[in-house]
Amino acid sequence: MPADRTALYWARKGLPATKARALGWHIFARQAVVIVSGRQPNVPYDAITALGSAFCRVTRVKLHAMTNPGPVFNALHVAFPALRQIKLEATNAQISHTMHAPTSLTHIEVTSCPAFAVCATPVPCLRSLVLNMAGTNTSALAFARQHARTLVKLVVKHIHVRDCPMLVLDENNLSVAYGQMQVLRLDVLGAYDPELVAQRMCVQGTPFPSLQYLNCGSLYPFANNVLLRGALHTLRVLVISVDATVAAWLLPEATCLRKYTQLAGMEARIVSRADVGDTQNIAIHARVLDAAFQSPHMQWLRIRYPNSHVAEYSNKPKIKL
């Protein structure tokens, strides 16, 4: 984009599509924001289809919708043929059309979409998926399973502990394998409800055979090691909430972490609940330290305590989380 005052002004303000074309700047755009309002739902669709393929270098689109975004979503590939990343926020929108995502997409982020629909056909190049389950229907988890073969990174925010089995089990309760998954982050709700915590499932199968980074810092959602079962020789960083159940299978003995041959860093977040005394938390703390110090590959350890105190141990430069 030309480095003059007018250009910089419009770049800061957000250049409208019509003005961008009139000024000849559309070829410089890299990101677009599309807003679908409830009052004029057809205007964004007509505007997008009228653009043709003018914005040939746009790779990222943010789609904010207050009404059904399906038709607009399906037209994005026309105006943005180089599209790679989409962030969809459809507050209060009911999606009545099956959405056909552009086949070139590599990243999708979904926030507050109460009726997110599974695409009619898979997105063959999808590598990264971020789901914010606050206000989002659990059908989004089926969308994740649909792309288990290609996903490398999966982030699921605000997922309830009782919904977590839907990530690793299909509708027939068969295990789903995410063969290329390297990064998994689950922000799980329900950590301080003893009844829900006690109902965590033991799930069979090996859903993540290539996992390198696991973050379950709020609550580990299962009663066994299903998320780590296939990662003995790939796991490098582990961030995990440790309670008595997790300690029982993760830290049964002091040498237990040695089996993770690539594990270089660990953050253990000790959870304090109303039914757990300080003595048990102290015991968990001791088990974490013993296991970490006897692991020859461990480069750093961080322990977060219920009182917000943090203890860090390192013998080499830390890997940034």
C-alpha atoms as a PDB file:
ATOM      1  CA  MET A   1       0.000   0.000   0.000  1.00  0.00           C
ATOM      2  CA  PRO A   2       1.362   3.467  -0.815  1.00  0.00           C
ATOM      3  CA  ALA A   3       2.916   5.082   2.247  1.00  0.00           C
ATOM      4  CA  ASP A   4       1.073   8.419   2.107  1.00  0.00           C
ATOM      5  CA  ARG A   5      -1.141  10.048   4.731  1.00  0.00           C
ATOM      6  CA  THR A   6      -4.389   9.176   3.000  1.00  0.00           C
ATOM      7  CA  ALA A   7      -3.427   5.532   2.705  1.00  0.00           C
ATOM      8  CA  LEU A   8      -2.376   5.312   6.331  1.00  0.00           C
ATOM      9  CA  TYR A   9      -5.623   6.967   7.446  1.00  0.00           C
ATOM     10  CA  TRP A  10      -7.792   4.451   5.645  1.00  0.00           C
ATOM     11  CA  ALA A  11      -5.632   1.561   6.772  1.00  0.00           C
ATOM     12  CA  ARG A  12      -6.187   2.561  10.402  1.00  0.00           C
ATOM     13  CA  LYS A  13      -9.921   3.158  10.004  1.00  0.00           C
ATOM     14  CA  GLY A  14     -10.628   0.004   8.029  1.00  0.00           C
ATOM     15  CA  LEU A  15     -10.923   0.589   4.317  1.00  0.00           C
ATOM     16  CA  PRO A  16     -14.408  -0.133   2.876  1.00  0.00           C
ATOM     17  CA  ALA A  17     -14.414  -2.506  -0.083  1.00  0.00           C
ATOM     18  CA  THR A  18     -15.873   0.017  -2.559  1.00  0.00           C
ATOM     19  CA  LYS A  19     -13.356   2.719  -1.659  1.00  0.00           C
ATOM     20  CA  ALA A  20     -10.501   0.203  -1.798  1.00  0.00           C
ATOM     21  CA  ARG A  21     -11.407  -0.711  -5.363  1.00  0.00           C
ATOM     22  CA  ALA A  22     -11.929   2.915  -6.367  1.00  0.00           C
ATOM     23  CA  LEU A  23      -8.460   3.815  -5.082  1.00  0.00           C
ATOM     24  CA  GLY A  24      -6.885   0.716  -6.579  1.00  0.00           C
ATOM     25  CA  TRP A  25      -5.729  -0.509  -3.174  1.00  0.00           C
ATOM     26  CA  HIS A  26      -7.677  -3.772  -3.111  1.00  0.00           C
ATOM     27  CA  ILE A  27      -4.627  -5.704  -4.304  1.00  0.00           C
ATOM     28  CA  PHE A  28      -2.784  -4.750  -1.103  1.00  0.00           C
ATOM     29  CA  ALA A  29      -5.430  -5.983   1.360  1.00  0.00           C
ATOM     30  CA  ARG A  30      -4.522  -9.012   3.497  1.00  0.00           C
ATOM     31  CA  GLN A  31      -7.453  -9.104   5.944  1.00  0.00           C
ATOM     32  CA  ALA A  32     -11.173  -8.366   5.596  1.00  0.00           C
ATOM     33  CA  VAL A  33     -13.995  -7.909   8.127  1.00  0.00           C
ATOM     34  CA  VAL A  34     -17.516  -8.862   7.027  1.00  0.00           C
ATOM     35  CA  ILE A  35     -20.518  -7.829   9.164  1.00  0.00           C
ATOM     36  CA  VAL A  36     -23.945  -9.371   8.636  1.00  0.00           C
ATOM     37  CA  SER A  37     -26.639  -7.367  10.457  1.00  0.00           C
ATOM     38  CA  GLY A  38     -30.158  -8.435  11.246  1.00  0.00           C
ATOM     39  CA  ARG A  39     -31.683  -5.413   9.509  1.00  0.00           C
ATOM     40  CA  GLN A  40     -30.076  -5.901   6.087  1.00  0.00           C
ATOM     41  CA  PRO A  41     -29.014  -9.558   5.889  1.00  0.00           C
ATOM     42  CA  ASN A  42     -28.760  -9.576   2.081  1.00  0.00           C
ATOM     43  CA  VAL A  43     -26.538  -6.516   1.713  1.00  0.00           C
ATOM     44  CA  PRO A  44     -23.241  -8.222   2.727  1.00  0.00           C
ATOM     45  CA  TYR A  45     -23.980 -11.177   0.442  1.00  0.00           C
ATOM     46  CA  ASP A  46     -24.711  -8.942  -2.553  1.00  0.00           C
ATOM     47  CA  ALA A  47     -21.631  -6.831  -1.804  1.00  0.00           C
ATOM     48  CA  ILE A  48     -19.376  -9.875  -1.559  1.00  0.00           C
ATOM     49  CA  THR A  49     -20.583 -11.506  -4.757  1.00  0.00           C
ATOM     50  CA  ALA A  50     -20.198  -8.156  -6.557  1.00  0.00           C
ATOM     51  CA  LEU A  51     -16.536  -8.016  -5.630  1.00  0.00           C
ATOM     52  CA  GLY A  52     -15.682 -10.910  -7.918  1.00  0.00           C
ATOM     53  CA  SER A  53     -12.094 -11.961  -7.193  1.00  0.00           C
ATOM     54  CA  ALA A  54     -10.795  -8.402  -6.778  1.00  0.00           C
ATOM     55  CA  PHE A  55      -9.311  -8.997  -3.303  1.00  0.00           C
ATOM     56  CA  CYS A  56      -6.971 -11.684  -4.512  1.00  0.00           C
ATOM     57  CA  ARG A  57      -4.462 -11.369  -1.653  1.00  0.00           C
ATOM     58  CA  VAL A  58      -6.820 -11.462   1.318  1.00  0.00           C
ATOM     59  CA  THR A  59      -5.962 -14.526   3.383  1.00  0.00           C
ATOM     60  CA  ARG A  60      -7.825 -13.749   6.644  1.00  0.00           C
ATOM     61  CA  VAL A  61     -11.510 -12.929   7.134  1.00  0.00           C
ATOM     62  CA  LYS A  62     -13.452 -12.065  10.304  1.00  0.00           C
ATOM     63  CA  LEU A  63     -17.150 -12.734   9.860  1.00  0.00           C
ATOM     64  CA  HIS A  64     -19.439 -11.147  12.482  1.00  0.00           C
ATOM     65  CA  ALA A  65     -23.088 -12.087  12.125  1.00  0.00           C
ATOM     66  CA  MET A  66     -26.263 -11.156  13.980  1.00  0.00           C
ATOM     67  CA  THR A  67     -28.340 -13.266  11.647  1.00  0.00           C
ATOM     68  CA  ASN A  68     -27.841 -16.398   9.553  1.00  0.00           C
ATOM     69  CA  PRO A  69     -24.293 -16.165   8.100  1.00  0.00           C
ATOM     70  CA  GLY A  70     -24.568 -19.299   5.966  1.00  0.00           C
ATOM     71  CA  PRO A  71     -25.071 -17.685   2.515  1.00  0.00           C
ATOM     72  CA  VAL A  72     -22.342 -15.113   3.141  1.00  0.00           C
ATOM     73  CA  PHE A  73     -19.969 -17.782   4.425  1.00  0.00           C
ATOM     74  CA  ASN A  74     -20.552 -19.830   1.292  1.00  0.00           C
ATOM     75  CA  ALA A  75     -19.733 -16.828  -0.950  1.00  0.00           C
ATOM     76  CA  LEU A  76     -16.446 -15.841   0.681  1.00  0.00           C
ATOM     77  CA  HIS A  77     -14.295 -17.912  -1.659  1.00  0.00           C
ATOM     78  CA  VAL A  78     -15.610 -15.907  -4.630  1.00  0.00           C
ATOM     79  CA  ALA A  79     -14.310 -12.565  -3.359  1.00  0.00           C
ATOM     80  CA  PHE A  80     -11.270 -13.947  -1.554  1.00  0.00           C
ATOM     81  CA  PRO A  81      -9.767 -16.771  -3.641  1.00  0.00           C
ATOM     82  CA  ALA A  82      -6.613 -16.885  -1.489  1.00  0.00           C
ATOM     83  CA  LEU A  83      -8.570 -17.265   1.770  1.00  0.00           C
ATOM     84  CA  ARG A  84      -6.756 -19.354   4.395  1.00  0.00           C
ATOM     85  CA  GLN A  85      -8.189 -18.288   7.781  1.00  0.00           C
ATOM     86  CA  ILE A  86     -11.732 -17.537   8.941  1.00  0.00           C
ATOM     87  CA  LYS A  87     -12.943 -16.316  12.326  1.00  0.00           C
ATOM     88  CA  LEU A  88     -16.704 -16.753  12.669  1.00  0.00           C
ATOM     89  CA  GLU A  89     -18.707 -15.029  15.394  1.00  0.00           C
ATOM     90  CA  ALA A  90     -22.445 -15.463  14.978  1.00  0.00           C
ATOM     91  CA  THR A  91     -24.026 -14.124  18.153  1.00  0.00           C
ATOM     92  CA  ASN A  92     -27.741 -14.960  18.364  1.00  0.00           C
ATOM     93  CA  ALA A  93     -27.619 -16.297  14.813  1.00  0.00           C
ATOM     94  CA  GLN A  94     -29.400 -19.493  13.849  1.00  0.00           C
ATOM     95  CA  ILE A  95     -27.659 -21.086  10.877  1.00  0.00           C
ATOM     96  CA  SER A  96     -30.312 -22.455   8.550  1.00  0.00           C
ATOM     97  CA  HIS A  97     -27.977 -23.225   5.644  1.00  0.00           C
ATOM     98  CA  THR A  98     -25.313 -25.900   5.578  1.00  0.00           C
ATOM     99  CA  MET A  99     -22.043 -24.033   5.255  1.00  0.00           C
ATOM    100  CA  HIS A 100     -19.604 -24.949   2.502  1.00  0.00           C
ATOM    101  CA  ALA A 101     -16.183 -23.771   3.606  1.00  0.00           C
ATOM    102  CA  PRO A 102     -13.615 -22.825   0.964  1.00  0.00           C
ATOM    103  CA  THR A 103     -11.399 -25.826   0.314  1.00  0.00           C
ATOM    104  CA  SER A 104      -8.276 -23.669   0.695  1.00  0.00           C
ATOM    105  CA  LEU A 105      -8.915 -23.001   4.400  1.00  0.00           C
ATOM    106  CA  THR A 106      -6.222 -24.034   6.864  1.00  0.00           C
ATOM    107  CA  HIS A 107      -7.605 -22.336  10.015  1.00  0.00           C
ATOM    108  CA  ILE A 108     -11.129 -21.835  11.373  1.00  0.00           C
ATOM    109  CA  GLU A 109     -12.110 -20.153  14.641  1.00  0.00           C
ATOM    110  CA  VAL A 110     -15.708 -20.312  15.859  1.00  0.00           C
ATOM    111  CA  THR A 111     -17.053 -18.135  18.688  1.00  0.00           C
ATOM    112  CA  SER A 112     -20.591 -17.898  20.101  1.00  0.00           C
ATOM    113  CA  CYS A 113     -22.268 -19.726  17.261  1.00  0.00           C
ATOM    114  CA  PRO A 114     -25.379 -21.392  18.738  1.00  0.00           C
ATOM    115  CA  ALA A 115     -26.186 -23.589  15.737  1.00  0.00           C
ATOM    116  CA  PHE A 116     -22.844 -24.242  14.087  1.00  0.00           C
ATOM    117  CA  ALA A 117     -23.410 -26.666  11.235  1.00  0.00           C
ATOM    118  CA  VAL A 118     -21.004 -29.289   9.982  1.00  0.00           C
ATOM    119  CA  CYS A 119     -19.858 -28.523   6.475  1.00  0.00           C
ATOM    120  CA  ALA A 120     -21.410 -30.717   3.831  1.00  0.00           C
ATOM    121  CA  THR A 121     -17.947 -31.729   2.646  1.00  0.00           C
ATOM    122  CA  PRO A 122     -14.721 -31.789   4.692  1.00  0.00           C
ATOM    123  CA  VAL A 123     -12.181 -29.000   4.365  1.00  0.00           C
ATOM    124  CA  PRO A 124      -9.226 -30.971   2.988  1.00  0.00           C
ATOM    125  CA  CYS A 125      -6.462 -28.584   4.106  1.00  0.00           C
ATOM    126  CA  LEU A 126      -7.804 -27.696   7.575  1.00  0.00           C
ATOM    127  CA  ARG A 127      -4.875 -27.796   9.999  1.00  0.00           C
ATOM    128  CA  SER A 128      -5.952 -25.584  12.892  1.00  0.00           C
ATOM    129  CA  LEU A 129      -9.322 -25.286  14.640  1.00  0.00           C
ATOM    130  CA  VAL A 130     -10.321 -23.047  17.566  1.00  0.00           C
ATOM    131  CA  LEU A 131     -13.749 -23.582  19.122  1.00  0.00           C
ATOM    132  CA  ASN A 132     -15.186 -21.344  21.823  1.00  0.00           C
ATOM    133  CA  MET A 133     -18.022 -23.416  23.234  1.00  0.00           C
ATOM    134  CA  ALA A 134     -19.564 -20.500  25.169  1.00  0.00           C
ATOM    135  CA  GLY A 135     -22.809 -20.123  23.250  1.00  0.00           C
ATOM    136  CA  THR A 136     -21.758 -22.692  20.636  1.00  0.00           C
ATOM    137  CA  ASN A 137     -23.684 -25.890  19.953  1.00  0.00           C
ATOM    138  CA  THR A 138     -21.904 -29.205  20.597  1.00  0.00           C
ATOM    139  CA  SER A 139     -22.246 -30.000  16.880  1.00  0.00           C
ATOM    140  CA  ALA A 140     -18.981 -28.071  16.610  1.00  0.00           C
ATOM    141  CA  LEU A 141     -17.283 -31.044  18.282  1.00  0.00           C
ATOM    142  CA  ALA A 142     -18.537 -33.256  15.459  1.00  0.00           C
ATOM    143  CA  PHE A 143     -16.889 -30.804  13.072  1.00  0.00           C
ATOM    144  CA  ALA A 144     -13.585 -31.398  14.894  1.00  0.00           C
ATOM    145  CA  ARG A 145     -13.987 -35.172  14.611  1.00  0.00           C
ATOM    146  CA  GLN A 146     -14.801 -34.797  10.925  1.00  0.00           C
ATOM    147  CA  HIS A 147     -11.329 -33.321  10.390  1.00  0.00           C
ATOM    148  CA  ALA A 148      -9.409 -35.619  12.727  1.00  0.00           C
ATOM    149  CA  ARG A 149      -7.134 -36.802   9.911  1.00  0.00           C
ATOM    150  CA  THR A 150      -5.814 -33.355   8.987  1.00  0.00           C
ATOM    151  CA  LEU A 151      -5.882 -31.287  12.196  1.00  0.00           C
ATOM    152  CA  VAL A 152      -2.502 -30.411  13.688  1.00  0.00           C
ATOM    153  CA  LYS A 153      -3.768 -27.953  16.317  1.00  0.00           C
ATOM    154  CA  LEU A 154      -7.035 -28.004  18.261  1.00  0.00           C
ATOM    155  CA  VAL A 155      -8.075 -25.457  20.895  1.00  0.00           C
ATOM    156  CA  VAL A 156     -11.439 -25.871  22.642  1.00  0.00           C
ATOM    157  CA  LYS A 157     -12.405 -23.110  25.083  1.00  0.00           C
ATOM    158  CA  HIS A 158     -15.153 -23.230  27.719  1.00  0.00           C
ATOM    159  CA  ILE A 159     -16.054 -26.854  27.093  1.00  0.00           C
ATOM    160  CA  HIS A 160     -18.015 -28.545  29.854  1.00  0.00           C
ATOM    161  CA  VAL A 161     -16.394 -31.630  31.342  1.00  0.00           C
ATOM    162  CA  ARG A 162     -19.384 -33.805  30.438  1.00  0.00           C
ATOM    163  CA  ASP A 163     -19.001 -32.852  26.726  1.00  0.00           C
ATOM    164  CA  CYS A 164     -15.300 -33.764  26.449  1.00  0.00           C
ATOM    165  CA  PRO A 165     -15.883 -37.432  25.479  1.00  0.00           C
ATOM    166  CA  MET A 166     -17.525 -36.119  22.290  1.00  0.00           C
ATOM    167  CA  LEU A 167     -14.066 -35.014  21.126  1.00  0.00           C
ATOM    168  CA  VAL A 168     -12.587 -38.513  21.176  1.00  0.00           C
ATOM    169  CA  LEU A 169     -15.638 -40.754  20.667  1.00  0.00           C
ATOM    170  CA  ASP A 170     -17.972 -40.740  17.680  1.00  0.00           C
ATOM    171  CA  GLU A 171     -21.744 -41.153  17.762  1.00  0.00           C
ATOM    172  CA  ASN A 172     -21.254 -44.953  18.064  1.00  0.00           C
ATOM    173  CA  ASN A 173     -18.863 -44.556  21.022  1.00  0.00           C
ATOM    174  CA  LEU A 174     -15.914 -45.645  18.881  1.00  0.00           C
ATOM    175  CA  SER A 175     -12.539 -44.001  19.378  1.00  0.00           C
ATOM    176  CA  VAL A 176     -11.526 -41.252  16.930  1.00  0.00           C
ATOM    177  CA  ALA A 177      -7.850 -40.912  15.972  1.00  0.00           C
ATOM    178  CA  TYR A 178      -6.313 -37.480  15.318  1.00  0.00           C
ATOM    179  CA  GLY A 179      -3.281 -38.885  13.548  1.00  0.00           C
ATOM    180  CA  GLN A 180      -1.422 -35.601  12.923  1.00  0.00           C
ATOM    181  CA  MET A 181      -2.447 -33.677  16.054  1.00  0.00           C
ATOM    182  CA  GLN A 182       0.529 -31.995  17.730  1.00  0.00           C
ATOM    183  CA  VAL A 183      -1.080 -29.280  19.880  1.00  0.00           C
ATOM    184  CA  LEU A 184      -4.168 -29.797  22.046  1.00  0.00           C
ATOM    185  CA  ARG A 185      -5.549 -27.240  24.482  1.00  0.00           C
ATOM    186  CA  LEU A 186      -8.752 -27.800  26.453  1.00  0.00           C
ATOM    187  CA  ASP A 187     -10.230 -25.110  28.694  1.00  0.00           C
ATOM    188  CA  VAL A 188     -12.596 -27.308  30.713  1.00  0.00           C
ATOM    189  CA  LEU A 189     -15.479 -26.109  32.897  1.00  0.00           C
ATOM    190  CA  GLY A 190     -16.568 -27.905  36.062  1.00  0.00           C
ATOM    191  CA  ALA A 191     -13.313 -28.099  38.005  1.00  0.00           C
ATOM    192  CA  TYR A 192     -14.876 -27.067  41.306  1.00  0.00           C
ATOM    193  CA  ASP A 193     -17.974 -29.270  41.175  1.00  0.00           C
ATOM    194  CA  PRO A 194     -17.033 -32.472  43.066  1.00  0.00           C
ATOM    195  CA  GLU A 195     -19.992 -34.390  41.626  1.00  0.00           C
ATOM    196  CA  LEU A 196     -19.025 -33.624  38.014  1.00  0.00           C
ATOM    197  CA  VAL A 197     -15.339 -34.317  38.684  1.00  0.00           C
ATOM    198  CA  ALA A 198     -16.244 -37.683  40.174  1.00  0.00           C
ATOM    199  CA  GLN A 199     -18.166 -38.589  36.992  1.00  0.00           C
ATOM    200  CA  ARG A 200     -15.185 -38.264  34.643  1.00  0.00           C
ATOM    201  CA  MET A 201     -15.013 -41.191  32.229  1.00  0.00           C
ATOM    202  CA  CYS A 202     -12.316 -43.749  31.532  1.00  0.00           C
ATOM    203  CA  VAL A 203     -12.093 -43.733  27.741  1.00  0.00           C
ATOM    204  CA  GLN A 204     -10.393 -46.380  25.629  1.00  0.00           C
ATOM    205  CA  GLY A 205      -8.416 -45.926  22.427  1.00  0.00           C
ATOM    206  CA  THR A 206      -5.440 -43.806  21.374  1.00  0.00           C
ATOM    207  CA  PRO A 207      -6.870 -40.587  19.931  1.00  0.00           C
ATOM    208  CA  PHE A 208      -3.632 -38.540  19.873  1.00  0.00           C
ATOM    209  CA  PRO A 209      -0.663 -40.711  18.796  1.00  0.00           C
ATOM    210  CA  SER A 210       1.551 -37.753  17.764  1.00  0.00           C
ATOM    211  CA  LEU A 211       0.808 -35.194  20.486  1.00  0.00           C
ATOM    212  CA  GLN A 212       3.643 -32.803  21.382  1.00  0.00           C
ATOM    213  CA  TYR A 213       1.880 -30.188  23.532  1.00  0.00           C
ATOM    214  CA  LEU A 214      -1.036 -30.778  25.884  1.00  0.00           C
ATOM    215  CA  ASN A 215      -2.678 -28.058  27.955  1.00  0.00           C
ATOM    216  CA  CYS A 216      -5.450 -29.082  30.354  1.00  0.00           C
ATOM    217  CA  GLY A 217      -4.643 -26.487  32.974  1.00  0.00           C
ATOM    218  CA  SER A 218      -8.165 -25.892  34.244  1.00  0.00           C
ATOM    219  CA  LEU A 219      -9.301 -29.526  34.592  1.00  0.00           C
ATOM    220  CA  TYR A 220      -8.138 -32.796  33.094  1.00  0.00           C
ATOM    221  CA  PRO A 221     -11.481 -34.102  31.776  1.00  0.00           C
ATOM    222  CA  PHE A 222     -10.969 -37.876  31.953  1.00  0.00           C
ATOM    223  CA  ALA A 223     -10.336 -40.460  34.667  1.00  0.00           C
ATOM    224  CA  ASN A 224      -7.450 -42.108  32.801  1.00  0.00           C
ATOM    225  CA  ASN A 225      -4.523 -41.236  30.529  1.00  0.00           C
ATOM    226  CA  VAL A 226      -6.450 -41.348  27.237  1.00  0.00           C
ATOM    227  CA  LEU A 227      -5.084 -37.993  26.000  1.00  0.00           C
ATOM    228  CA  LEU A 228      -1.466 -39.039  26.627  1.00  0.00           C
ATOM    229  CA  ARG A 229      -1.671 -42.734  25.829  1.00  0.00           C
ATOM    230  CA  GLY A 230      -0.032 -42.515  22.422  1.00  0.00           C
ATOM    231  CA  ALA A 231       2.436 -39.721  23.170  1.00  0.00           C
ATOM    232  CA  LEU A 232       5.218 -41.605  24.979  1.00  0.00           C
ATOM    233  CA  HIS A 233       7.816 -40.642  22.363  1.00  0.00           C
ATOM    234  CA  THR A 234       6.399 -37.321  21.114  1.00  0.00           C
ATOM    235  CA  LEU A 235       5.197 -35.278  24.119  1.00  0.00           C
ATOM    236  CA  ARG A 236       7.424 -32.261  24.783  1.00  0.00           C
ATOM    237  CA  VAL A 237       5.353 -29.921  26.980  1.00  0.00           C
ATOM    238  CA  LEU A 238       2.626 -30.863  29.469  1.00  0.00           C
ATOM    239  CA  VAL A 239       0.386 -28.349  31.272  1.00  0.00           C
ATOM    240  CA  ILE A 240      -2.048 -30.223  33.483  1.00  0.00           C
ATOM    241  CA  SER A 241      -4.326 -29.736  36.454  1.00  0.00           C
ATOM    242  CA  VAL A 242      -3.323 -32.329  39.044  1.00  0.00           C
ATOM    243  CA  ASP A 243      -5.794 -33.681  41.580  1.00  0.00           C
ATOM    244  CA  ALA A 244      -5.856 -37.043  43.349  1.00  0.00           C
ATOM    245  CA  THR A 245      -7.374 -38.858  40.343  1.00  0.00           C
ATOM    246  CA  VAL A 246      -4.817 -37.488  37.887  1.00  0.00           C
ATOM    247  CA  ALA A 247      -1.938 -38.131  40.299  1.00  0.00           C
ATOM    248  CA  ALA A 248      -3.029 -41.767  40.584  1.00  0.00           C
ATOM    249  CA  TRP A 249      -2.460 -42.529  36.895  1.00  0.00           C
ATOM    250  CA  LEU A 250       0.109 -39.863  35.953  1.00  0.00           C
ATOM    251  CA  LEU A 251       2.379 -40.185  39.001  1.00  0.00           C
ATOM    252  CA  PRO A 252       1.963 -43.722  40.379  1.00  0.00           C
ATOM    253  CA  GLU A 253       5.695 -43.883  41.114  1.00  0.00           C
ATOM    254  CA  ALA A 254       8.693 -41.567  41.094  1.00  0.00           C
ATOM    255  CA  THR A 255      10.070 -42.824  37.767  1.00  0.00           C
ATOM    256  CA  CYS A 256       6.778 -42.609  35.884  1.00  0.00           C
ATOM    257  CA  LEU A 257       7.659 -39.563  33.768  1.00  0.00           C
ATOM    258  CA  ARG A 258      10.729 -41.243  32.299  1.00  0.00           C
ATOM    259  CA  LYS A 259       8.552 -43.083  29.798  1.00  0.00           C
ATOM    260  CA  TYR A 260       7.827 -39.758  28.063  1.00  0.00           C
ATOM    261  CA  THR A 261      11.152 -39.731  26.307  1.00  0.00           C
ATOM    262  CA  GLN A 262      10.866 -36.230  24.799  1.00  0.00           C
ATOM    263  CA  LEU A 263       9.202 -34.441  27.742  1.00  0.00           C
ATOM    264  CA  ALA A 264      11.198 -31.254  28.304  1.00  0.00           C
ATOM    265  CA  GLY A 265       8.824 -29.113  30.358  1.00  0.00           C
ATOM    266  CA  MET A 266       5.857 -29.490  32.673  1.00  0.00           C
ATOM    267  CA  GLU A 267       3.468 -27.172  34.469  1.00  0.00           C
ATOM    268  CA  ALA A 268       1.389 -28.793  37.203  1.00  0.00           C
ATOM    269  CA  ARG A 269      -1.549 -26.838  38.594  1.00  0.00           C
ATOM    270  CA  ILE A 270      -2.549 -28.258  41.948  1.00  0.00           C
ATOM    271  CA  VAL A 271      -6.310 -27.990  42.414  1.00  0.00           C
ATOM    272  CA  SER A 272      -7.804 -27.303  45.824  1.00  0.00           C
ATOM    273  CA  ARG A 273     -11.457 -28.257  46.253  1.00  0.00           C
ATOM    274  CA  ALA A 274     -13.764 -28.076  49.226  1.00  0.00           C
ATOM    275  CA  ASP A 275     -13.477 -31.828  49.815  1.00  0.00           C
ATOM    276  CA  VAL A 276      -9.672 -31.870  49.620  1.00  0.00           C
ATOM    277  CA  GLY A 277      -7.468 -31.024  52.595  1.00  0.00           C
ATOM    278  CA  ASP A 278      -4.051 -29.417  52.651  1.00  0.00           C
ATOM    279  CA  THR A 279      -2.421 -32.756  53.475  1.00  0.00           C
ATOM    280  CA  GLN A 280      -3.517 -34.234  50.149  1.00  0.00           C
ATOM    281  CA  ASN A 281      -2.313 -31.169  48.222  1.00  0.00           C
ATOM    282  CA  ILE A 282       1.083 -31.433  49.935  1.00  0.00           C
ATOM    283  CA  ALA A 283       1.275 -35.095  48.975  1.00  0.00           C
ATOM    284  CA  ILE A 284       0.487 -34.290  45.327  1.00  0.00           C
ATOM    285  CA  HIS A 285       3.138 -31.580  45.371  1.00  0.00           C
ATOM    286  CA  ALA A 286       5.739 -34.054  46.628  1.00  0.00           C
ATOM    287  CA  ARG A 287       4.838 -36.604  43.953  1.00  0.00           C
ATOM    288  CA  VAL A 288       5.158 -34.016  41.181  1.00  0.00           C
ATOM    289  CA  LEU A 289       8.595 -32.953  42.413  1.00  0.00           C
ATOM    290  CA  ASP A 290       9.881 -36.511  42.811  1.00  0.00           C
ATOM    291  CA  ALA A 291       8.745 -37.543  39.341  1.00  0.00           C
ATOM    292  CA  ALA A 292      10.127 -34.404  37.660  1.00  0.00           C
ATOM    293  CA  PHE A 293      13.527 -34.541  39.373  1.00  0.00           C
ATOM    294  CA  GLN A 294      13.987 -38.189  38.407  1.00  0.00           C
ATOM    295  CA  SER A 295      13.165 -37.558  34.767  1.00  0.00           C
ATOM    296  CA  PRO A 296      16.486 -37.159  32.916  1.00  0.00           C
ATOM    297  CA  HIS A 297      14.911 -35.229  30.030  1.00  0.00           C
ATOM    298  CA  MET A 298      13.088 -32.584  32.068  1.00  0.00           C
ATOM    299  CA  GLN A 299      14.493 -29.098  31.476  1.00  0.00           C
ATOM    300  CA  TRP A 300      11.987 -27.069  33.515  1.00  0.00           C
ATOM    301  CA  LEU A 301       9.135 -27.506  35.948  1.00  0.00           C
ATOM    302  CA  ARG A 302       6.510 -25.030  37.101  1.00  0.00           C
ATOM    303  CA  ILE A 303       4.053 -25.724  39.933  1.00  0.00           C
ATOM    304  CA  ARG A 304       1.058 -23.469  40.528  1.00  0.00           C
ATOM    305  CA  TYR A 305      -0.551 -23.688  43.939  1.00  0.00           C
ATOM    306  CA  PRO A 306      -4.142 -22.891  45.019  1.00  0.00           C
ATOM    307  CA  ASN A 307      -2.953 -19.701  46.748  1.00  0.00           C
ATOM    308  CA  SER A 308      -1.587 -18.418  43.385  1.00  0.00           C
ATOM    309  CA  HIS A 309       2.012 -19.050  44.461  1.00  0.00           C
ATOM    310  CA  VAL A 310       4.257 -20.342  41.696  1.00  0.00           C
ATOM    311  CA  ALA A 311       7.420 -22.390  42.096  1.00  0.00           C
ATOM    312  CA  GLU A 312       9.791 -22.785  39.149  1.00  0.00           C
ATOM    313  CA  TYR A 313      12.717 -25.125  38.664  1.00  0.00           C
ATOM    314  CA  SER A 314      14.982 -25.091  35.621  1.00  0.00           C
ATOM    315  CA  ASN A 315      18.356 -26.407  34.544  1.00  0.00           C
ATOM    316  CA  LYS A 316      18.147 -25.080  30.989  1.00  0.00           C
ATOM    317  CA  PRO A 317      16.439 -22.142  29.209  1.00  0.00           C
ATOM    318  CA  LYS A 318      12.660 -22.536  29.375  1.00  0.00           C
ATOM    319  CA  ILE A 319      10.502 -23.388  26.400  1.00  0.00           C
ATOM    320  CA  LYS A 320       7.923 -20.634  26.016  1.00  0.00           C
ATOM    321  CA  LEU A 321       4.347 -21.770  26.305  1.00  0.00           C
END
